[in-house]
Amino acid sequence: MKKTFLNLPVMITAVFSLAATAALVFVVFKPQPEGPTLMLDDPLDVPAFEVTSQAGEVITKENMLGKVWVCDFFLTRCNGICPVLGRTMADLADELSKTSSFDDVVLVSFSVDPEHDTVEQLNRYRKINMGAWARDNTALESELDRRWLHVRADKQEPFWDVVRDGFKLYVGPSEGDPTTPIAHSGRLVLIDRKGQIRGYYDGLTDVEIPALLADIARLVEESD
């Protein structure tokens, strides 16, 4: 009876072929974050900046590399859109706290009124508004303290240039608006771990928040 011997090179090739096929299937069929998206087709580089947080910590673009983060722009003496933006950011923090993969996502609120918004004023603002933001929920208050930064630049005009030229959002003197001395955008900005702007979202309604949460999930998956 004639013996049949296995061809070792052929077997090795077959094994590697099966492994490659399995890896390709995993990549193709790996579950992707669900939901709508508003991510930009072409990401924009975050501009260089240097600001100081309510805790007195210096924050720069380089400090934020490696983090997925969301920012908005506000001023503490605004009685127009800023309270709405604050509520949106607090609600966003609450939603992020429900998903463990979002534990490292950071929220940053940039003051566009640094001449008035000192570090002391930022802390006063947080203390005054924390009850409303956290709805007297101590767990949420702890989450806001941990995740959400309020920051200020040293000089107003140079920072306005950063907002306009780098973040591509409007800021300038308010014209006839009694609710605020400085007009600014109500958009939220999503930034990835590489320091790239990936999307803009309406911070004055909850209409685009589902897309923001879905896009945050995409960036967290993308970064792993």
N, C-alpha and C. Protein backbone atom coordinates (compact mmCIF):
# COMPACT_ATOMS: atom_id res chain seq x y z
N MET A 1 0.86 -1.20 0.00
CA MET A 1 0.00 0.00 0.00
C MET A 1 0.89 1.24 0.00
N LYS A 2 0.58 2.17 -0.85
CA LYS A 2 1.42 3.37 -0.99
C LYS A 2 1.11 4.37 0.11
N LYS A 3 2.16 4.82 0.81
CA LYS A 3 1.98 5.79 1.89
C LYS A 3 1.88 7.21 1.32
N THR A 4 1.02 8.03 2.00
CA THR A 4 0.88 9.43 1.60
C THR A 4 1.51 10.30 2.67
N PHE A 5 2.46 11.13 2.30
CA PHE A 5 3.14 12.00 3.26
C PHE A 5 2.58 13.43 3.13
N LEU A 6 2.41 14.07 4.30
CA LEU A 6 1.91 15.45 4.29
C LEU A 6 3.01 16.38 3.81
N ASN A 7 2.63 17.33 2.99
CA ASN A 7 3.58 18.33 2.47
C ASN A 7 3.67 19.47 3.48
N LEU A 8 4.77 19.53 4.24
CA LEU A 8 4.91 20.50 5.33
C LEU A 8 4.82 21.95 4.85
N PRO A 9 5.50 22.35 3.80
CA PRO A 9 5.37 23.75 3.33
C PRO A 9 3.94 24.11 2.96
N VAL A 10 3.23 23.15 2.36
CA VAL A 10 1.85 23.43 1.97
C VAL A 10 0.98 23.61 3.22
N MET A 11 1.24 22.77 4.24
CA MET A 11 0.48 22.88 5.48
C MET A 11 0.72 24.23 6.16
N ILE A 12 1.97 24.65 6.21
CA ILE A 12 2.31 25.93 6.85
C ILE A 12 1.62 27.08 6.12
N THR A 13 1.65 27.03 4.80
CA THR A 13 1.00 28.07 3.99
C THR A 13 -0.50 28.11 4.27
N ALA A 14 -1.08 26.93 4.38
CA ALA A 14 -2.53 26.85 4.63
C ALA A 14 -2.88 27.42 5.99
N VAL A 15 -2.06 27.11 7.00
CA VAL A 15 -2.31 27.62 8.36
C VAL A 15 -2.25 29.14 8.37
N PHE A 16 -1.22 29.70 7.76
CA PHE A 16 -1.10 31.16 7.74
C PHE A 16 -2.24 31.79 6.95
N SER A 17 -2.68 31.12 5.91
CA SER A 17 -3.79 31.63 5.11
C SER A 17 -5.07 31.67 5.93
N LEU A 18 -5.30 30.61 6.71
CA LEU A 18 -6.49 30.58 7.56
C LEU A 18 -6.43 31.65 8.63
N ALA A 19 -5.24 31.84 9.22
CA ALA A 19 -5.08 32.87 10.26
C ALA A 19 -5.33 34.26 9.70
N ALA A 20 -4.81 34.51 8.49
CA ALA A 20 -5.02 35.82 7.87
C ALA A 20 -6.48 36.05 7.56
N THR A 21 -7.15 34.99 7.10
CA THR A 21 -8.58 35.10 6.80
C THR A 21 -9.38 35.40 8.05
N ALA A 22 -9.02 34.71 9.15
CA ALA A 22 -9.72 34.94 10.42
C ALA A 22 -9.52 36.36 10.91
N ALA A 23 -8.29 36.87 10.78
CA ALA A 23 -8.02 38.25 11.21
C ALA A 23 -8.81 39.24 10.38
N LEU A 24 -8.89 38.99 9.07
CA LEU A 24 -9.63 39.89 8.18
C LEU A 24 -11.11 39.87 8.53
N VAL A 25 -11.64 38.68 8.79
CA VAL A 25 -13.05 38.57 9.17
C VAL A 25 -13.32 39.33 10.46
N PHE A 26 -12.38 39.22 11.43
CA PHE A 26 -12.55 39.93 12.71
C PHE A 26 -12.60 41.43 12.50
N VAL A 27 -11.70 41.94 11.65
CA VAL A 27 -11.66 43.38 11.40
C VAL A 27 -12.93 43.84 10.71
N VAL A 28 -13.34 43.07 9.68
CA VAL A 28 -14.51 43.47 8.90
C VAL A 28 -15.78 43.42 9.73
N PHE A 29 -15.90 42.38 10.56
CA PHE A 29 -17.15 42.17 11.28
C PHE A 29 -17.09 42.58 12.74
N LYS A 30 -16.00 43.21 13.16
CA LYS A 30 -15.91 43.72 14.53
C LYS A 30 -17.03 44.74 14.76
N PRO A 31 -17.79 44.61 15.83
CA PRO A 31 -18.90 45.55 16.07
C PRO A 31 -18.40 46.99 16.11
N GLN A 32 -19.06 47.85 15.38
CA GLN A 32 -18.71 49.27 15.34
C GLN A 32 -19.72 50.08 16.16
N PRO A 33 -19.28 51.22 16.74
CA PRO A 33 -20.23 52.06 17.47
C PRO A 33 -21.41 52.43 16.60
N GLU A 34 -22.60 52.32 17.18
CA GLU A 34 -23.80 52.63 16.43
C GLU A 34 -24.20 54.09 16.63
N GLY A 35 -25.10 54.56 15.78
CA GLY A 35 -25.63 55.90 15.94
C GLY A 35 -25.18 56.83 14.83
N PRO A 36 -25.76 58.01 14.80
CA PRO A 36 -25.43 58.99 13.75
C PRO A 36 -24.02 59.54 13.95
N THR A 37 -23.51 60.19 12.94
CA THR A 37 -22.19 60.80 13.05
C THR A 37 -22.20 62.20 12.44
N LEU A 38 -21.42 63.09 13.03
CA LEU A 38 -21.21 64.43 12.48
C LEU A 38 -19.71 64.71 12.35
N MET A 39 -18.93 63.65 12.26
CA MET A 39 -17.49 63.84 12.17
C MET A 39 -17.11 64.47 10.83
N LEU A 40 -16.08 65.30 10.88
CA LEU A 40 -15.59 65.98 9.68
C LEU A 40 -14.96 64.99 8.71
N ASP A 41 -15.10 65.25 7.43
CA ASP A 41 -14.41 64.44 6.43
C ASP A 41 -12.91 64.64 6.52
N ASP A 42 -12.50 65.87 6.81
CA ASP A 42 -11.08 66.20 6.92
C ASP A 42 -10.81 66.82 8.29
N PRO A 43 -10.17 66.08 9.21
CA PRO A 43 -9.87 66.63 10.54
C PRO A 43 -9.02 67.89 10.45
N LEU A 44 -9.16 68.74 11.47
CA LEU A 44 -8.38 69.96 11.57
C LEU A 44 -7.45 69.87 12.78
N ASP A 45 -6.25 70.40 12.65
CA ASP A 45 -5.33 70.40 13.78
C ASP A 45 -5.80 71.38 14.85
N VAL A 46 -5.79 70.95 16.10
CA VAL A 46 -6.07 71.87 17.20
C VAL A 46 -4.94 72.90 17.28
N PRO A 47 -5.26 74.17 17.45
CA PRO A 47 -4.20 75.18 17.54
C PRO A 47 -3.42 75.06 18.85
N ALA A 48 -2.22 75.58 18.86
CA ALA A 48 -1.44 75.62 20.10
C ALA A 48 -2.13 76.58 21.07
N PHE A 49 -2.16 76.20 22.34
CA PHE A 49 -2.73 77.07 23.36
C PHE A 49 -2.07 76.78 24.70
N GLU A 50 -2.13 77.75 25.58
CA GLU A 50 -1.67 77.57 26.96
C GLU A 50 -2.65 78.29 27.87
N VAL A 51 -3.31 77.55 28.74
CA VAL A 51 -4.33 78.09 29.63
C VAL A 51 -4.09 77.57 31.04
N THR A 52 -4.80 78.15 31.99
CA THR A 52 -4.70 77.73 33.39
C THR A 52 -6.07 77.28 33.86
N SER A 53 -6.11 76.14 34.52
CA SER A 53 -7.38 75.58 34.99
C SER A 53 -7.80 76.20 36.31
N GLN A 54 -9.01 75.88 36.75
CA GLN A 54 -9.51 76.38 38.03
C GLN A 54 -8.66 75.88 39.19
N ALA A 55 -7.91 74.81 38.97
CA ALA A 55 -7.03 74.27 40.01
C ALA A 55 -5.64 74.87 39.95
N GLY A 56 -5.42 75.81 39.01
CA GLY A 56 -4.11 76.44 38.89
C GLY A 56 -3.13 75.65 38.05
N GLU A 57 -3.61 74.60 37.38
CA GLU A 57 -2.74 73.76 36.55
C GLU A 57 -2.65 74.34 35.15
N VAL A 58 -1.43 74.39 34.60
CA VAL A 58 -1.23 74.86 33.23
C VAL A 58 -1.59 73.74 32.27
N ILE A 59 -2.46 74.04 31.31
CA ILE A 59 -2.92 73.07 30.31
C ILE A 59 -2.50 73.57 28.93
N THR A 60 -1.88 72.69 28.15
CA THR A 60 -1.48 73.02 26.79
C THR A 60 -2.02 71.96 25.83
N LYS A 61 -1.88 72.24 24.56
CA LYS A 61 -2.25 71.25 23.54
C LYS A 61 -1.49 69.95 23.77
N GLU A 62 -0.21 70.07 24.10
CA GLU A 62 0.62 68.89 24.31
C GLU A 62 0.13 68.07 25.50
N ASN A 63 -0.34 68.75 26.56
CA ASN A 63 -0.88 68.04 27.72
C ASN A 63 -2.07 67.17 27.35
N MET A 64 -2.83 67.60 26.35
CA MET A 64 -4.07 66.92 26.00
C MET A 64 -3.87 65.80 24.98
N LEU A 65 -2.68 65.69 24.42
CA LEU A 65 -2.43 64.60 23.48
C LEU A 65 -2.57 63.26 24.21
N GLY A 66 -3.18 62.31 23.54
CA GLY A 66 -3.44 61.02 24.17
C GLY A 66 -4.81 60.93 24.81
N LYS A 67 -5.55 62.06 24.82
CA LYS A 67 -6.89 62.10 25.41
C LYS A 67 -7.93 62.41 24.33
N VAL A 68 -9.10 61.83 24.48
CA VAL A 68 -10.27 62.26 23.72
C VAL A 68 -10.96 63.32 24.57
N TRP A 69 -11.25 64.49 23.99
CA TRP A 69 -11.85 65.54 24.80
C TRP A 69 -12.85 66.37 24.01
N VAL A 70 -13.74 67.02 24.76
CA VAL A 70 -14.78 67.88 24.20
C VAL A 70 -14.64 69.25 24.86
N CYS A 71 -14.72 70.31 24.06
CA CYS A 71 -14.60 71.65 24.64
C CYS A 71 -15.73 72.55 24.19
N ASP A 72 -15.96 73.59 24.99
CA ASP A 72 -16.85 74.68 24.61
C ASP A 72 -16.21 75.99 25.02
N PHE A 73 -16.89 77.10 24.72
CA PHE A 73 -16.37 78.43 25.01
C PHE A 73 -17.45 79.22 25.74
N PHE A 74 -17.05 79.93 26.80
CA PHE A 74 -18.03 80.56 27.68
C PHE A 74 -17.38 81.76 28.38
N LEU A 75 -18.17 82.46 29.19
CA LEU A 75 -17.65 83.45 30.13
C LEU A 75 -18.57 83.48 31.34
N THR A 76 -18.01 83.72 32.49
CA THR A 76 -18.78 83.57 33.73
C THR A 76 -19.84 84.66 33.89
N ARG A 77 -19.67 85.81 33.25
CA ARG A 77 -20.67 86.87 33.39
C ARG A 77 -21.68 86.91 32.24
N CYS A 78 -21.80 85.79 31.54
CA CYS A 78 -22.78 85.64 30.46
C CYS A 78 -24.08 85.10 31.02
N ASN A 79 -25.17 85.77 30.73
CA ASN A 79 -26.49 85.29 31.15
C ASN A 79 -27.34 84.87 29.95
N GLY A 80 -26.67 84.67 28.82
CA GLY A 80 -27.37 84.28 27.60
C GLY A 80 -27.24 82.79 27.35
N ILE A 81 -26.34 82.42 26.43
CA ILE A 81 -26.22 81.01 26.06
C ILE A 81 -25.35 80.21 27.03
N CYS A 82 -24.54 80.88 27.84
CA CYS A 82 -23.58 80.15 28.69
C CYS A 82 -24.24 79.23 29.72
N PRO A 83 -25.31 79.66 30.40
CA PRO A 83 -25.98 78.71 31.30
C PRO A 83 -26.49 77.46 30.58
N VAL A 84 -26.92 77.63 29.33
CA VAL A 84 -27.38 76.48 28.55
C VAL A 84 -26.20 75.57 28.22
N LEU A 85 -25.08 76.16 27.81
CA LEU A 85 -23.89 75.37 27.52
C LEU A 85 -23.41 74.62 28.76
N GLY A 86 -23.45 75.29 29.92
CA GLY A 86 -23.04 74.64 31.15
C GLY A 86 -23.90 73.44 31.47
N ARG A 87 -25.20 73.60 31.28
CA ARG A 87 -26.12 72.49 31.52
C ARG A 87 -25.84 71.34 30.56
N THR A 88 -25.56 71.67 29.28
CA THR A 88 -25.26 70.64 28.29
C THR A 88 -23.99 69.88 28.65
N MET A 89 -22.95 70.61 29.06
CA MET A 89 -21.70 69.95 29.43
C MET A 89 -21.89 69.06 30.65
N ALA A 90 -22.67 69.52 31.62
CA ALA A 90 -22.92 68.71 32.81
C ALA A 90 -23.70 67.44 32.45
N ASP A 91 -24.71 67.59 31.59
CA ASP A 91 -25.48 66.42 31.15
C ASP A 91 -24.61 65.46 30.35
N LEU A 92 -23.69 66.01 29.55
CA LEU A 92 -22.76 65.17 28.79
C LEU A 92 -21.88 64.37 29.74
N ALA A 93 -21.37 65.03 30.78
CA ALA A 93 -20.55 64.32 31.78
C ALA A 93 -21.34 63.19 32.42
N ASP A 94 -22.60 63.45 32.70
CA ASP A 94 -23.46 62.43 33.29
C ASP A 94 -23.59 61.23 32.36
N GLU A 95 -23.81 61.48 31.07
CA GLU A 95 -23.92 60.40 30.10
C GLU A 95 -22.61 59.63 29.97
N LEU A 96 -21.49 60.34 29.95
CA LEU A 96 -20.19 59.69 29.82
C LEU A 96 -19.91 58.77 31.00
N SER A 97 -20.38 59.16 32.17
CA SER A 97 -20.11 58.39 33.39
C SER A 97 -20.79 57.02 33.37
N LYS A 98 -21.73 56.82 32.46
CA LYS A 98 -22.48 55.56 32.41
C LYS A 98 -21.77 54.49 31.58
N THR A 99 -20.67 54.85 30.93
CA THR A 99 -19.94 53.91 30.07
C THR A 99 -18.48 53.88 30.49
N SER A 100 -18.01 52.73 30.93
CA SER A 100 -16.66 52.64 31.50
C SER A 100 -15.58 53.00 30.49
N SER A 101 -15.82 52.72 29.20
CA SER A 101 -14.81 53.05 28.19
C SER A 101 -14.64 54.55 28.01
N PHE A 102 -15.57 55.34 28.55
CA PHE A 102 -15.47 56.80 28.46
C PHE A 102 -14.82 57.42 29.70
N ASP A 103 -14.27 56.61 30.58
CA ASP A 103 -13.75 57.13 31.85
C ASP A 103 -12.69 58.22 31.68
N ASP A 104 -11.90 58.13 30.61
CA ASP A 104 -10.80 59.07 30.41
C ASP A 104 -11.15 60.25 29.50
N VAL A 105 -12.38 60.32 29.04
CA VAL A 105 -12.80 61.46 28.20
C VAL A 105 -12.88 62.71 29.08
N VAL A 106 -12.31 63.80 28.60
CA VAL A 106 -12.20 65.04 29.38
C VAL A 106 -13.08 66.12 28.76
N LEU A 107 -13.66 66.96 29.61
CA LEU A 107 -14.44 68.12 29.16
C LEU A 107 -13.68 69.39 29.54
N VAL A 108 -13.59 70.34 28.62
CA VAL A 108 -12.86 71.58 28.86
C VAL A 108 -13.72 72.76 28.43
N SER A 109 -13.92 73.71 29.34
CA SER A 109 -14.63 74.96 29.02
C SER A 109 -13.63 76.10 29.04
N PHE A 110 -13.41 76.71 27.86
CA PHE A 110 -12.46 77.82 27.71
C PHE A 110 -13.17 79.14 27.94
N SER A 111 -12.69 79.95 28.86
CA SER A 111 -13.24 81.29 29.01
C SER A 111 -12.73 82.19 27.90
N VAL A 112 -13.64 82.95 27.29
CA VAL A 112 -13.24 83.94 26.28
C VAL A 112 -13.16 85.33 26.90
N ASP A 113 -13.19 85.37 28.24
CA ASP A 113 -13.18 86.63 28.99
C ASP A 113 -12.12 86.56 30.10
N PRO A 114 -10.86 86.26 29.74
CA PRO A 114 -9.85 86.01 30.77
C PRO A 114 -9.51 87.21 31.64
N GLU A 115 -9.76 88.42 31.14
CA GLU A 115 -9.47 89.60 31.96
C GLU A 115 -10.39 89.65 33.17
N HIS A 116 -11.57 89.11 33.04
CA HIS A 116 -12.51 89.06 34.16
C HIS A 116 -12.47 87.70 34.86
N ASP A 117 -12.32 86.65 34.09
CA ASP A 117 -12.39 85.29 34.63
C ASP A 117 -11.03 84.82 35.13
N THR A 118 -10.68 85.28 36.30
CA THR A 118 -9.46 84.83 36.96
C THR A 118 -9.66 83.40 37.46
N VAL A 119 -8.59 82.80 37.95
CA VAL A 119 -8.70 81.46 38.53
C VAL A 119 -9.69 81.48 39.69
N GLU A 120 -9.63 82.54 40.51
CA GLU A 120 -10.56 82.66 41.63
C GLU A 120 -12.00 82.75 41.14
N GLN A 121 -12.21 83.49 40.05
CA GLN A 121 -13.56 83.64 39.51
C GLN A 121 -14.07 82.32 38.94
N LEU A 122 -13.18 81.57 38.30
CA LEU A 122 -13.59 80.27 37.76
C LEU A 122 -14.05 79.34 38.89
N ASN A 123 -13.32 79.35 39.99
CA ASN A 123 -13.71 78.52 41.13
C ASN A 123 -15.03 78.99 41.74
N ARG A 124 -15.21 80.31 41.79
CA ARG A 124 -16.46 80.86 42.33
C ARG A 124 -17.63 80.45 41.42
N TYR A 125 -17.41 80.51 40.13
CA TYR A 125 -18.44 80.14 39.16
C TYR A 125 -18.83 78.67 39.31
N ARG A 126 -17.85 77.81 39.45
CA ARG A 126 -18.13 76.37 39.63
C ARG A 126 -18.92 76.13 40.92
N LYS A 127 -18.52 76.81 41.98
CA LYS A 127 -19.19 76.61 43.27
C LYS A 127 -20.64 77.07 43.22
N ILE A 128 -20.87 78.22 42.58
CA ILE A 128 -22.23 78.77 42.48
C ILE A 128 -23.14 77.86 41.66
N ASN A 129 -22.60 77.29 40.58
CA ASN A 129 -23.43 76.54 39.64
C ASN A 129 -23.44 75.03 39.86
N MET A 130 -22.57 74.54 40.72
CA MET A 130 -22.43 73.09 40.86
C MET A 130 -23.74 72.41 41.29
N GLY A 131 -24.49 73.05 42.17
CA GLY A 131 -25.74 72.45 42.62
C GLY A 131 -26.71 72.24 41.48
N ALA A 132 -26.82 73.24 40.59
CA ALA A 132 -27.71 73.11 39.44
C ALA A 132 -27.18 72.10 38.44
N TRP A 133 -25.86 72.13 38.19
CA TRP A 133 -25.27 71.18 37.25
C TRP A 133 -25.44 69.73 37.71
N ALA A 134 -25.18 69.51 39.02
CA ALA A 134 -25.21 68.15 39.55
C ALA A 134 -26.59 67.75 40.06
N ARG A 135 -27.52 68.72 40.10
CA ARG A 135 -28.88 68.45 40.58
C ARG A 135 -28.85 67.81 41.97
N ASP A 136 -27.92 68.32 42.80
CA ASP A 136 -27.76 67.85 44.18
C ASP A 136 -27.46 66.36 44.26
N ASN A 137 -26.86 65.83 43.19
CA ASN A 137 -26.41 64.43 43.15
C ASN A 137 -24.92 64.42 43.47
N THR A 138 -24.54 63.92 44.63
CA THR A 138 -23.15 63.98 45.06
C THR A 138 -22.24 63.16 44.15
N ALA A 139 -22.75 62.05 43.62
CA ALA A 139 -21.94 61.23 42.72
C ALA A 139 -21.65 61.99 41.42
N LEU A 140 -22.67 62.69 40.90
CA LEU A 140 -22.47 63.47 39.68
C LEU A 140 -21.56 64.66 39.96
N GLU A 141 -21.69 65.28 41.12
CA GLU A 141 -20.80 66.40 41.46
C GLU A 141 -19.35 65.95 41.48
N SER A 142 -19.10 64.76 42.04
CA SER A 142 -17.75 64.21 42.03
C SER A 142 -17.26 63.96 40.61
N GLU A 143 -18.16 63.48 39.76
CA GLU A 143 -17.83 63.23 38.36
C GLU A 143 -17.48 64.52 37.64
N LEU A 144 -18.23 65.58 37.89
CA LEU A 144 -17.96 66.87 37.26
C LEU A 144 -16.62 67.42 37.73
N ASP A 145 -16.33 67.30 39.01
CA ASP A 145 -15.05 67.76 39.53
C ASP A 145 -13.88 67.00 38.90
N ARG A 146 -14.07 65.72 38.66
CA ARG A 146 -13.00 64.88 38.13
C ARG A 146 -12.77 65.11 36.64
N ARG A 147 -13.83 65.27 35.88
CA ARG A 147 -13.76 65.22 34.43
C ARG A 147 -13.75 66.58 33.73
N TRP A 148 -14.33 67.60 34.37
CA TRP A 148 -14.62 68.87 33.70
C TRP A 148 -13.69 69.97 34.19
N LEU A 149 -12.97 70.59 33.25
CA LEU A 149 -12.06 71.69 33.55
C LEU A 149 -12.65 73.01 33.06
N HIS A 150 -12.49 74.06 33.85
CA HIS A 150 -12.74 75.43 33.40
C HIS A 150 -11.39 76.13 33.35
N VAL A 151 -11.08 76.73 32.22
CA VAL A 151 -9.72 77.26 32.01
C VAL A 151 -9.77 78.68 31.46
N ARG A 152 -8.65 79.38 31.65
CA ARG A 152 -8.51 80.75 31.16
C ARG A 152 -7.13 80.95 30.56
N ALA A 153 -7.04 81.84 29.57
CA ALA A 153 -5.76 82.24 29.00
C ALA A 153 -5.26 83.48 29.73
N ASP A 154 -4.03 83.87 29.46
CA ASP A 154 -3.48 85.06 30.11
C ASP A 154 -4.00 86.35 29.48
N LYS A 155 -4.12 86.35 28.14
CA LYS A 155 -4.51 87.57 27.44
C LYS A 155 -5.67 87.30 26.50
N GLN A 156 -6.58 88.27 26.44
CA GLN A 156 -7.82 88.08 25.70
C GLN A 156 -7.64 88.06 24.20
N GLU A 157 -7.06 89.09 23.63
CA GLU A 157 -6.99 89.20 22.17
C GLU A 157 -6.23 88.05 21.53
N PRO A 158 -5.04 87.66 22.06
CA PRO A 158 -4.36 86.51 21.47
C PRO A 158 -5.19 85.23 21.55
N PHE A 159 -5.94 85.08 22.65
CA PHE A 159 -6.76 83.86 22.75
C PHE A 159 -7.93 83.92 21.78
N TRP A 160 -8.50 85.09 21.57
CA TRP A 160 -9.56 85.21 20.57
C TRP A 160 -9.04 84.79 19.19
N ASP A 161 -7.79 85.11 18.89
CA ASP A 161 -7.20 84.66 17.61
C ASP A 161 -7.14 83.14 17.55
N VAL A 162 -6.82 82.51 18.68
CA VAL A 162 -6.77 81.05 18.75
C VAL A 162 -8.16 80.47 18.45
N VAL A 163 -9.18 81.08 19.04
CA VAL A 163 -10.55 80.60 18.84
C VAL A 163 -10.96 80.76 17.38
N ARG A 164 -10.72 81.94 16.83
CA ARG A 164 -11.17 82.22 15.46
C ARG A 164 -10.36 81.49 14.41
N ASP A 165 -9.03 81.56 14.54
CA ASP A 165 -8.16 81.01 13.49
C ASP A 165 -7.89 79.52 13.67
N GLY A 166 -7.89 79.07 14.91
CA GLY A 166 -7.55 77.66 15.18
C GLY A 166 -8.76 76.77 15.34
N PHE A 167 -9.68 77.16 16.21
CA PHE A 167 -10.89 76.36 16.41
C PHE A 167 -11.97 76.67 15.38
N LYS A 168 -11.77 77.73 14.59
CA LYS A 168 -12.69 78.10 13.51
C LYS A 168 -14.09 78.46 14.03
N LEU A 169 -14.14 79.14 15.19
CA LEU A 169 -15.40 79.56 15.77
C LEU A 169 -15.38 81.06 16.03
N TYR A 170 -16.56 81.66 16.04
CA TYR A 170 -16.65 83.10 16.21
C TYR A 170 -16.51 83.49 17.67
N VAL A 171 -15.82 84.63 17.90
CA VAL A 171 -15.81 85.29 19.19
C VAL A 171 -15.51 86.76 18.93
N GLY A 172 -16.15 87.64 19.71
CA GLY A 172 -15.93 89.08 19.52
C GLY A 172 -16.84 89.87 20.45
N PRO A 173 -16.69 91.18 20.45
CA PRO A 173 -17.54 92.02 21.30
C PRO A 173 -19.01 91.83 20.98
N SER A 174 -19.82 91.81 22.01
CA SER A 174 -21.25 91.70 21.80
C SER A 174 -21.81 93.02 21.31
N GLU A 175 -22.69 92.95 20.33
CA GLU A 175 -23.28 94.17 19.77
C GLU A 175 -24.75 94.26 20.18
N GLY A 176 -25.00 94.98 21.23
CA GLY A 176 -26.37 95.22 21.66
C GLY A 176 -27.04 94.07 22.37
N ASP A 177 -26.29 93.05 22.76
CA ASP A 177 -26.86 91.93 23.50
C ASP A 177 -26.71 92.18 24.99
N PRO A 178 -27.78 92.43 25.72
CA PRO A 178 -27.68 92.76 27.13
C PRO A 178 -27.32 91.56 28.01
N THR A 179 -27.34 90.35 27.45
CA THR A 179 -27.08 89.16 28.26
C THR A 179 -25.60 88.84 28.41
N THR A 180 -24.75 89.46 27.56
CA THR A 180 -23.32 89.14 27.61
C THR A 180 -22.49 90.24 26.98
N PRO A 181 -21.30 90.52 27.51
CA PRO A 181 -20.42 91.51 26.88
C PRO A 181 -19.60 90.95 25.72
N ILE A 182 -19.58 89.62 25.59
CA ILE A 182 -18.78 88.97 24.55
C ILE A 182 -19.64 87.94 23.82
N ALA A 183 -19.70 88.06 22.51
CA ALA A 183 -20.44 87.09 21.70
C ALA A 183 -19.52 85.93 21.33
N HIS A 184 -20.06 84.73 21.34
CA HIS A 184 -19.24 83.56 21.03
C HIS A 184 -20.13 82.41 20.57
N SER A 185 -19.52 81.38 20.03
CA SER A 185 -20.24 80.24 19.49
C SER A 185 -20.81 79.35 20.59
N GLY A 186 -21.91 78.68 20.27
CA GLY A 186 -22.49 77.69 21.16
C GLY A 186 -22.20 76.27 20.72
N ARG A 187 -21.16 76.09 19.90
CA ARG A 187 -20.81 74.77 19.41
C ARG A 187 -19.90 74.04 20.41
N LEU A 188 -20.05 72.72 20.49
CA LEU A 188 -19.12 71.86 21.20
C LEU A 188 -18.15 71.30 20.16
N VAL A 189 -16.89 71.13 20.57
CA VAL A 189 -15.85 70.67 19.65
C VAL A 189 -15.29 69.34 20.17
N LEU A 190 -15.21 68.35 19.30
CA LEU A 190 -14.68 67.03 19.66
C LEU A 190 -13.26 66.89 19.11
N ILE A 191 -12.33 66.51 20.01
CA ILE A 191 -10.91 66.39 19.65
C ILE A 191 -10.43 64.98 19.96
N ASP A 192 -9.62 64.43 19.06
CA ASP A 192 -9.12 63.07 19.26
C ASP A 192 -7.77 63.06 19.97
N ARG A 193 -7.23 61.85 20.16
CA ARG A 193 -5.98 61.69 20.91
C ARG A 193 -4.78 62.28 20.19
N LYS A 194 -4.90 62.48 18.89
CA LYS A 194 -3.79 63.04 18.11
C LYS A 194 -3.82 64.56 18.07
N GLY A 195 -4.78 65.17 18.76
CA GLY A 195 -4.88 66.63 18.73
C GLY A 195 -5.53 67.15 17.48
N GLN A 196 -6.52 66.41 16.97
CA GLN A 196 -7.24 66.83 15.77
C GLN A 196 -8.71 67.07 16.09
N ILE A 197 -9.24 68.16 15.56
CA ILE A 197 -10.67 68.44 15.66
C ILE A 197 -11.40 67.49 14.73
N ARG A 198 -12.36 66.72 15.30
CA ARG A 198 -13.04 65.72 14.50
C ARG A 198 -14.51 66.04 14.24
N GLY A 199 -15.07 67.02 15.00
CA GLY A 199 -16.46 67.35 14.76
C GLY A 199 -16.93 68.53 15.58
N TYR A 200 -18.02 69.16 15.12
CA TYR A 200 -18.68 70.28 15.81
C TYR A 200 -20.14 69.90 16.05
N TYR A 201 -20.66 70.30 17.23
CA TYR A 201 -22.00 69.87 17.64
C TYR A 201 -22.72 71.02 18.33
N ASP A 202 -24.02 71.10 18.11
CA ASP A 202 -24.84 72.13 18.73
C ASP A 202 -24.90 71.89 20.24
N GLY A 203 -24.41 72.87 21.01
CA GLY A 203 -24.44 72.76 22.46
C GLY A 203 -25.63 73.43 23.10
N LEU A 204 -26.52 73.99 22.29
CA LEU A 204 -27.65 74.74 22.82
C LEU A 204 -28.95 73.94 22.78
N THR A 205 -28.93 72.78 22.13
CA THR A 205 -30.06 71.86 22.15
C THR A 205 -29.48 70.46 22.34
N ASP A 206 -30.35 69.48 22.54
CA ASP A 206 -29.88 68.11 22.69
C ASP A 206 -29.97 67.32 21.39
N VAL A 207 -30.28 67.99 20.30
CA VAL A 207 -30.53 67.31 19.03
C VAL A 207 -29.29 66.55 18.53
N GLU A 208 -28.10 67.15 18.69
CA GLU A 208 -26.89 66.54 18.14
C GLU A 208 -26.07 65.79 19.19
N ILE A 209 -26.56 65.71 20.42
CA ILE A 209 -25.82 65.01 21.47
C ILE A 209 -25.71 63.51 21.19
N PRO A 210 -26.76 62.84 20.66
CA PRO A 210 -26.58 61.43 20.31
C PRO A 210 -25.44 61.21 19.31
N ALA A 211 -25.31 62.10 18.34
CA ALA A 211 -24.21 61.99 17.37
C ALA A 211 -22.87 62.21 18.07
N LEU A 212 -22.81 63.16 19.00
CA LEU A 212 -21.58 63.42 19.73
C LEU A 212 -21.17 62.18 20.52
N LEU A 213 -22.10 61.57 21.25
CA LEU A 213 -21.78 60.39 22.03
C LEU A 213 -21.33 59.24 21.13
N ALA A 214 -21.99 59.08 19.99
CA ALA A 214 -21.60 58.02 19.05
C ALA A 214 -20.21 58.29 18.49
N ASP A 215 -19.90 59.55 18.20
CA ASP A 215 -18.59 59.89 17.66
C ASP A 215 -17.49 59.76 18.72
N ILE A 216 -17.82 60.06 19.98
CA ILE A 216 -16.85 59.81 21.06
C ILE A 216 -16.53 58.33 21.11
N ALA A 217 -17.56 57.49 21.01
CA ALA A 217 -17.34 56.04 21.01
C ALA A 217 -16.44 55.62 19.85
N ARG A 218 -16.64 56.24 18.70
CA ARG A 218 -15.80 55.91 17.53
C ARG A 218 -14.34 56.29 17.79
N LEU A 219 -14.12 57.43 18.41
CA LEU A 219 -12.75 57.86 18.68
C LEU A 219 -12.09 56.99 19.75
N VAL A 220 -12.85 56.57 20.74
CA VAL A 220 -12.30 55.67 21.75
C VAL A 220 -11.91 54.34 21.11
N GLU A 221 -12.76 53.81 20.22
CA GLU A 221 -12.44 52.58 19.50
C GLU A 221 -11.25 52.80 18.58
N GLU A 222 -11.22 53.93 17.90
CA GLU A 222 -10.16 54.24 16.96
C GLU A 222 -8.81 54.32 17.65
N SER A 223 -8.80 54.75 18.91
CA SER A 223 -7.56 54.98 19.63
C SER A 223 -7.00 53.71 20.25
N ASP A 224 -7.84 52.67 20.39
CA ASP A 224 -7.38 51.44 21.04
C ASP A 224 -6.51 50.61 20.12
